[in-house]
Each structure stands twice: as C-alpha cells, then as structure tokens.
Amino acid sequence: MIENRSLGSKIRCRMIYILVILLALCCLLPLLNILAISLSSSAAVTGNQVGLVPKGFTWAAYTKIVGDRQFWRSFGISALRVVLALALNLVLIVLMAYPLSRTEREFKGRNVYMYLLIFAMLFNGGMIPTFLVIKKLGILNTVWALVLPGAVPIFSVILVMNFFMGIPKSLEEAALLDGANPLQILTRIFIPCSKPSLATVALFSIVGSWNDFYSGLIYITKMRNYPLMTYIQSLSVNIEELLRAGASAGALENILEVSNQNLNAAKIVVAVIPLLLIYPMLQKYLITGIVMGSVKE
C-alpha cells in the first residue's frame, strides 16, 4: 500500500534532500580544489587562479613525491605498520573485551579493571615517559615503536565490550550445554556475531595508523625509517637552498614548476587514496558497529 503524503511532508523531504546535497558538496568541493591545485602549475597556484579545474596542467608535484626510492620505502613501512597494528589491535581488543563483558559475579574484579581502563583513557603517561619507555625497550627507529604505544585502544575495547554484552545469553548457554569451553564460545559465537563491531574498530585502526605522522617524528630519528605520512610531511621546496648550492639552470627550471602549495596538495591526495579504497569495503559495518557497540540495554 502506497502512503499518501501531505504537501508539508513532501516539502520537508525535498528540503532534507537539498540539505544533504549541500553538505555533500561542502565535503566534495574542497577535495576537488585540492586535486586541482596539485595538478596545476606553480604560477597559477601562486596567483590564486585555480578553482575546481587545473590551470597549467602538470604532474610535477607527484613526480617529486613518487620519483624517489624513499617514498616507496616509506610506503612499505606504513603498509607494514597498518598490518601489524591491525592484527595486534584486534587480538588484544577481543581478548580484553570478552572477559570485561562478563558480570562481576562471573569475573571477580571486573569493575576494578573497568575503572583502570577509564582512568588510562582519560589520563595517559605523556609523551616524554612514553618516549623513555620506547627507548629503554630498544625499539627506537623500528616499526614496533610506531605500533606498540597504541596496541590497546581503550575506546575500541569499550565499543566491542558493549557489543558482546548485547549478544543473547541464550546462545552462550546453549553452547555450554553442548560442552563448549570459553575459548570456543568466543571464537565460534561472539566473534562471528560481532563482525560489524570488529569491522568498525578495524577501520579506526587502519585510518589512525595510516594518517599518523607525529609518532614518526618522535620515535624515528633516521629518515630512511620514516613512515609515509612523516616522510611526505617533511618534503618541501626551498629555492634559496638550491641557489646557494649552485643548482643548474635546468634543475631550477624544473623545480620552479612546483611550489609548497602544489606539494602540500599532492601530499593530501596521496595520503587519502588508500583510505578511499578501504573505506567503502568497511563502511556498511560502521554505523551498525558504533550504534550497537555504544548502547547497552
């Protein structure tokens, strides 16, 4: 049966569509402008002539970023970091969230652990103590210095814990009657039922690990070990240094095709491409995972 809507309802619906389209344009247009700047000549960018279409089309900014070995080395380090962080995060999140989803009667001291988690989420040790710990462990200038400080994201633990609490108790009781042990209940019931929540925390882990450049500045002192975001953040065009170094006319002509604005725009584009490829695969789980993991009956 088709519901007949009033004129006021139709107007409200149209207004919502218009609002959503405007919000989408507010997100899309800046990205198109950034892409146009990265593909435009230095003169056009400096003269504020670039809108949504490139002016003086050139690949010079991308050539400068991609055309060196360090870029690909840093790309590999970031990819390895994402894989290690994702695996470590998911294992530790699940192993911590499962016992915390039990009641105080089932898990003695459960509330004490929850208080400690909340306290650690609100008050961390700080940058200097963390650096000293990493240095004492002897993992400076390694990928583990980028992975271990964020091995247990407490917000994700709480999200998955609340999702586990929402799984019907009858499923667990039926498994216990069939002779299943806690590990079998976790791997065969809780984890398969928690795909939306786990996909959500996986997305948080991937995005956070890929976009983070500050950890590379703190824990990595050798440029050859920089992750990708730290490396492209360090790139810049300095014409004065080239002149003092006695660069040839041809080299100066090539470098003048790129300004710091071009380079920064190209950095943003390069950084966002992997996320644009990954996000659509996990997006369908995102809303379900957040809503069901953040609300407990």
Protein backbone atom coordinates (compact mmCIF):
# COMPACT_ATOMS: atom_id res chain seq x y z
CA MET A 1 0.00 0.00 0.00
CA ILE A 2 1.38 3.39 -1.03
CA GLU A 3 1.10 6.01 1.66
CA ASN A 4 -0.26 9.38 0.52
CA ARG A 5 1.94 12.10 1.96
CA SER A 6 0.76 15.62 2.62
CA LEU A 7 2.18 18.68 0.87
CA GLY A 8 4.07 19.66 4.03
CA SER A 9 5.67 16.21 4.26
CA LYS A 10 6.81 16.39 0.63
CA ILE A 11 8.30 19.86 1.17
CA ARG A 12 10.19 18.64 4.24
CA CYS A 13 11.50 15.67 2.26
CA ARG A 14 12.73 17.94 -0.54
CA MET A 15 14.40 20.24 1.97
CA ILE A 16 16.22 17.28 3.54
CA TYR A 17 17.44 16.17 0.10
CA ILE A 18 18.67 19.68 -0.66
CA LEU A 19 20.44 19.89 2.72
CA VAL A 20 22.15 16.52 2.21
CA ILE A 21 23.28 17.56 -1.30
CA LEU A 22 24.68 20.83 0.05
CA LEU A 23 26.56 19.02 2.82
CA ALA A 24 27.95 16.55 0.27
CA LEU A 25 29.14 19.45 -1.90
CA CYS A 26 30.77 21.08 1.13
CA CYS A 27 32.83 17.90 1.57
CA LEU A 28 33.48 17.23 -2.14
CA LEU A 29 34.38 20.69 -3.45
CA PRO A 30 37.41 21.24 -1.17
CA LEU A 31 38.78 17.84 -2.25
CA LEU A 32 38.33 18.75 -5.91
CA ASN A 33 40.09 22.06 -5.27
CA ILE A 34 43.00 20.26 -3.57
CA LEU A 35 43.27 17.86 -6.52
CA ALA A 36 43.22 20.77 -8.99
CA ILE A 37 45.95 22.60 -7.06
CA SER A 38 48.15 19.50 -7.02
CA LEU A 39 47.86 19.24 -10.83
CA SER A 40 48.32 22.96 -11.60
CA SER A 41 51.45 24.95 -12.36
CA SER A 42 53.22 26.83 -9.60
CA ALA A 43 52.46 30.22 -11.21
CA ALA A 44 48.71 29.51 -11.41
CA VAL A 45 48.59 28.36 -7.79
CA THR A 46 50.59 31.35 -6.54
CA GLY A 47 48.28 33.69 -8.46
CA ASN A 48 45.16 32.12 -6.89
CA GLN A 49 43.85 31.19 -10.33
CA VAL A 50 42.96 27.58 -9.53
CA GLY A 51 39.38 26.60 -8.77
CA LEU A 52 37.98 23.15 -9.49
CA VAL A 53 39.87 22.70 -12.78
CA PRO A 54 43.70 22.56 -13.00
CA LYS A 55 45.47 25.51 -14.63
CA GLY A 56 48.70 24.78 -16.47
CA PHE A 57 48.30 21.02 -16.01
CA THR A 58 51.44 19.31 -14.69
CA TRP A 59 52.41 16.15 -12.82
CA ALA A 60 55.48 17.83 -11.31
CA ALA A 61 54.28 17.65 -7.68
CA TYR A 62 53.52 13.94 -7.94
CA THR A 63 56.77 13.31 -9.78
CA LYS A 64 58.69 14.92 -6.91
CA ILE A 65 56.86 12.78 -4.33
CA VAL A 66 56.79 9.46 -6.17
CA GLY A 67 60.01 9.68 -8.13
CA ASP A 68 62.36 8.65 -5.35
CA ARG A 69 63.14 5.41 -3.57
CA GLN A 70 62.49 6.79 -0.11
CA PHE A 71 58.84 7.35 -0.99
CA TRP A 72 58.34 3.67 -1.77
CA ARG A 73 60.36 2.59 1.26
CA SER A 74 58.20 4.78 3.50
CA PHE A 75 55.08 3.46 1.77
CA GLY A 76 56.15 -0.09 2.62
CA ILE A 77 56.87 0.86 6.24
CA SER A 78 53.41 2.42 6.58
CA ALA A 79 51.76 -0.62 4.99
CA LEU A 80 53.63 -2.93 7.39
CA ARG A 81 52.67 -0.70 10.29
CA VAL A 82 49.00 -0.85 9.35
CA VAL A 83 49.06 -4.65 9.08
CA LEU A 84 50.88 -5.15 12.40
CA ALA A 85 48.77 -2.58 14.25
CA LEU A 86 45.52 -4.04 12.87
CA ALA A 87 46.41 -7.61 13.85
CA LEU A 88 47.67 -6.60 17.30
CA ASN A 89 44.71 -4.29 17.97
CA LEU A 90 42.07 -6.87 17.02
CA VAL A 91 43.65 -9.67 19.08
CA LEU A 92 44.13 -7.55 22.21
CA ILE A 93 40.75 -5.81 21.88
CA VAL A 94 38.86 -9.11 21.65
CA LEU A 95 40.85 -10.78 24.44
CA MET A 96 40.23 -7.80 26.74
CA ALA A 97 36.62 -7.08 25.77
CA TYR A 98 35.40 -10.67 26.22
CA PRO A 99 36.13 -11.06 29.96
CA LEU A 100 35.06 -7.48 30.65
CA SER A 101 31.67 -8.23 29.09
CA ARG A 102 31.05 -10.73 31.90
CA THR A 103 29.24 -9.72 35.08
CA GLU A 104 31.00 -9.04 38.37
CA ARG A 105 29.77 -12.44 39.60
CA GLU A 106 31.32 -14.22 36.61
CA PHE A 107 34.57 -12.22 36.61
CA LYS A 108 35.78 -11.12 40.03
CA GLY A 109 37.44 -7.70 39.92
CA ARG A 110 35.78 -6.78 36.64
CA ASN A 111 34.79 -3.32 37.91
CA VAL A 112 38.33 -2.61 39.11
CA TYR A 113 39.67 -3.30 35.63
CA MET A 114 37.00 -1.05 34.12
CA TYR A 115 37.95 1.82 36.44
CA LEU A 116 41.61 1.38 35.46
CA LEU A 117 40.70 1.40 31.76
CA ILE A 118 38.63 4.57 32.05
CA PHE A 119 41.37 6.26 34.05
CA ALA A 120 44.01 5.28 31.46
CA MET A 121 41.78 6.57 28.66
CA LEU A 122 41.42 9.98 30.34
CA PHE A 123 44.96 10.33 31.73
CA ASN A 124 47.87 8.87 29.77
CA GLY A 125 51.52 8.81 30.75
CA GLY A 126 52.51 11.64 28.43
CA MET A 127 54.92 11.98 25.55
CA ILE A 128 58.24 12.05 27.47
CA PRO A 129 57.57 8.98 29.70
CA THR A 130 56.35 7.06 26.64
CA PHE A 131 59.48 8.02 24.71
CA LEU A 132 61.68 6.87 27.60
CA VAL A 133 59.88 3.52 27.74
CA ILE A 134 60.29 3.03 23.99
CA LYS A 135 63.98 3.94 24.24
CA LYS A 136 64.50 1.60 27.20
CA LEU A 137 62.93 -1.25 25.23
CA GLY A 138 65.43 -0.60 22.45
CA ILE A 139 62.87 -0.28 19.68
CA LEU A 140 63.56 3.29 18.54
CA ASN A 141 63.83 3.55 14.75
CA THR A 142 61.82 0.36 14.28
CA VAL A 143 58.25 -0.22 13.19
CA TRP A 144 57.42 -1.54 16.68
CA ALA A 145 57.95 1.95 18.09
CA LEU A 146 55.02 3.03 15.90
CA VAL A 147 52.82 0.05 16.78
CA LEU A 148 53.23 -0.81 20.48
CA PRO A 149 52.24 2.56 22.07
CA GLY A 150 48.75 2.21 20.56
CA ALA A 151 48.41 -1.56 20.90
CA VAL A 152 45.32 -1.35 23.15
CA PRO A 153 42.89 1.40 22.04
CA ILE A 154 40.64 1.66 25.09
CA PHE A 155 37.70 3.28 23.27
CA SER A 156 37.64 0.32 20.86
CA VAL A 157 37.76 -2.11 23.79
CA ILE A 158 34.69 -0.48 25.33
CA LEU A 159 32.91 -0.49 21.96
CA VAL A 160 33.47 -4.22 21.42
CA MET A 161 32.73 -5.00 25.08
CA ASN A 162 29.31 -3.37 24.86
CA PHE A 163 28.65 -5.24 21.61
CA PHE A 164 29.50 -8.53 23.34
CA MET A 165 27.07 -7.64 26.14
CA GLY A 166 24.30 -7.29 23.57
CA ILE A 167 24.69 -10.87 22.31
CA PRO A 168 21.83 -13.03 23.69
CA LYS A 169 22.81 -15.09 26.71
CA SER A 170 20.80 -18.00 25.34
CA LEU A 171 23.45 -18.58 22.65
CA GLU A 172 26.17 -18.90 25.26
CA GLU A 173 24.07 -21.12 27.50
CA ALA A 174 23.28 -23.43 24.58
CA ALA A 175 26.97 -23.69 23.77
CA LEU A 176 27.79 -24.50 27.40
CA LEU A 177 25.18 -27.27 27.40
CA ASP A 178 26.87 -28.70 24.29
CA GLY A 179 30.20 -28.80 26.14
CA ALA A 180 31.89 -25.73 24.65
CA ASN A 181 34.63 -24.05 26.66
CA PRO A 182 35.05 -20.23 26.93
CA LEU A 183 37.58 -20.10 24.07
CA GLN A 184 35.22 -22.00 21.75
CA ILE A 185 32.34 -19.71 22.76
CA LEU A 186 34.48 -16.68 21.93
CA THR A 187 35.72 -17.92 18.55
CA ARG A 188 32.55 -19.65 17.34
CA ILE A 189 29.80 -17.40 18.70
CA PHE A 190 30.99 -13.98 19.87
CA ILE A 191 33.47 -13.17 17.08
CA PRO A 192 31.20 -14.26 14.17
CA CYS A 193 28.29 -12.30 15.70
CA SER A 194 30.46 -9.21 16.19
CA LYS A 195 31.59 -8.60 12.60
CA PRO A 196 30.08 -5.05 12.46
CA SER A 197 31.82 -4.01 15.68
CA LEU A 198 35.14 -5.59 14.71
CA ALA A 199 34.98 -4.01 11.24
CA THR A 200 34.40 -0.64 12.90
CA VAL A 201 37.42 -0.88 15.22
CA ALA A 202 39.46 -2.25 12.29
CA LEU A 203 38.59 0.87 10.31
CA PHE A 204 39.61 3.07 13.26
CA SER A 205 42.93 1.20 13.49
CA ILE A 206 43.69 1.42 9.76
CA VAL A 207 42.86 5.12 9.47
CA GLY A 208 44.70 6.03 12.67
CA SER A 209 47.84 4.07 11.78
CA TRP A 210 47.95 5.32 8.19
CA ASN A 211 47.34 9.00 8.94
CA ASP A 212 49.62 9.30 11.98
CA PHE A 213 52.80 11.23 11.20
CA TYR A 214 53.62 12.60 14.65
CA SER A 215 54.78 9.26 16.07
CA GLY A 216 57.33 9.05 13.27
CA LEU A 217 58.74 12.44 14.26
CA ILE A 218 59.10 11.34 17.90
CA TYR A 219 60.27 7.72 17.70
CA ILE A 220 62.09 7.66 14.33
CA THR A 221 65.30 9.66 14.03
CA LYS A 222 66.51 8.28 10.68
CA MET A 223 64.67 9.44 7.58
CA ARG A 224 65.13 6.07 5.88
CA ASN A 225 62.83 4.57 8.55
CA TYR A 226 60.11 7.23 8.30
CA PRO A 227 56.53 6.06 7.70
CA LEU A 228 54.86 7.57 4.64
CA MET A 229 52.94 10.37 6.38
CA THR A 230 56.04 11.52 8.25
CA TYR A 231 58.11 11.44 5.08
CA ILE A 232 55.75 13.44 2.87
CA GLN A 233 55.19 15.88 5.75
CA SER A 234 58.93 16.56 5.72
CA LEU A 235 59.07 17.29 1.97
CA SER A 236 59.37 20.95 0.97
CA VAL A 237 60.63 23.13 -1.84
CA ASN A 238 63.36 25.55 -0.77
CA ILE A 239 64.56 27.66 -3.71
CA GLU A 240 67.09 29.62 -1.61
CA GLU A 241 68.93 26.44 -0.62
CA LEU A 242 69.10 25.37 -4.26
CA LEU A 243 70.56 28.73 -5.28
CA ARG A 244 73.16 28.59 -2.51
CA ALA A 245 74.03 25.04 -3.57
CA GLY A 246 74.68 26.24 -7.12
CA ALA A 247 71.92 24.23 -8.83
CA SER A 248 71.98 24.23 -12.62
CA ALA A 249 69.55 26.32 -14.68
CA GLY A 250 67.76 23.17 -15.83
CA ALA A 251 67.28 21.96 -12.27
CA LEU A 252 65.94 25.33 -11.20
CA GLU A 253 63.56 25.42 -14.15
CA ASN A 254 62.18 22.01 -13.22
CA ILE A 255 61.85 22.81 -9.52
CA LEU A 256 60.05 26.10 -10.24
CA GLU A 257 57.18 24.03 -11.64
CA VAL A 258 56.41 23.03 -8.04
CA SER A 259 55.64 25.23 -5.06
CA ASN A 260 54.98 24.24 -1.47
CA GLN A 261 51.24 24.68 -2.15
CA ASN A 262 51.39 22.18 -5.02
CA LEU A 263 53.41 19.80 -2.90
CA ASN A 264 51.11 20.03 0.13
CA ALA A 265 48.06 19.43 -2.08
CA ALA A 266 49.73 16.39 -3.64
CA LYS A 267 50.55 15.10 -0.14
CA ILE A 268 46.87 15.22 0.81
CA VAL A 269 45.82 13.41 -2.37
CA VAL A 270 48.46 10.69 -1.95
CA ALA A 271 47.52 10.23 1.71
CA VAL A 272 43.80 9.87 1.08
CA ILE A 273 43.90 7.40 -1.86
CA PRO A 274 44.45 4.19 0.22
CA LEU A 275 41.71 5.23 2.64
CA LEU A 276 39.29 5.87 -0.23
CA LEU A 277 39.96 2.32 -1.41
CA ILE A 278 39.49 0.71 2.02
CA TYR A 279 36.61 2.75 3.46
CA PRO A 280 33.85 1.58 1.02
CA MET A 281 34.53 -2.05 1.98
CA LEU A 282 34.02 -1.39 5.72
CA GLN A 283 31.53 1.50 5.59
CA LYS A 284 28.45 -0.75 5.67
CA TYR A 285 29.53 -2.04 9.09
CA LEU A 286 30.47 1.34 10.54
CA ILE A 287 27.09 2.71 11.67
CA THR A 288 25.87 -0.68 12.94
CA GLY A 289 29.07 -1.27 14.87
CA ILE A 290 29.11 2.15 16.52
CA VAL A 291 25.39 2.19 17.44
CA MET A 292 25.20 -1.38 18.76
CA GLY A 293 28.56 -1.09 20.50
CA SER A 294 27.86 2.19 22.26
CA VAL A 295 24.39 1.42 23.68
CA LYS A 296 23.71 -1.33 26.19
CA GLU A 297 20.28 -2.27 27.46
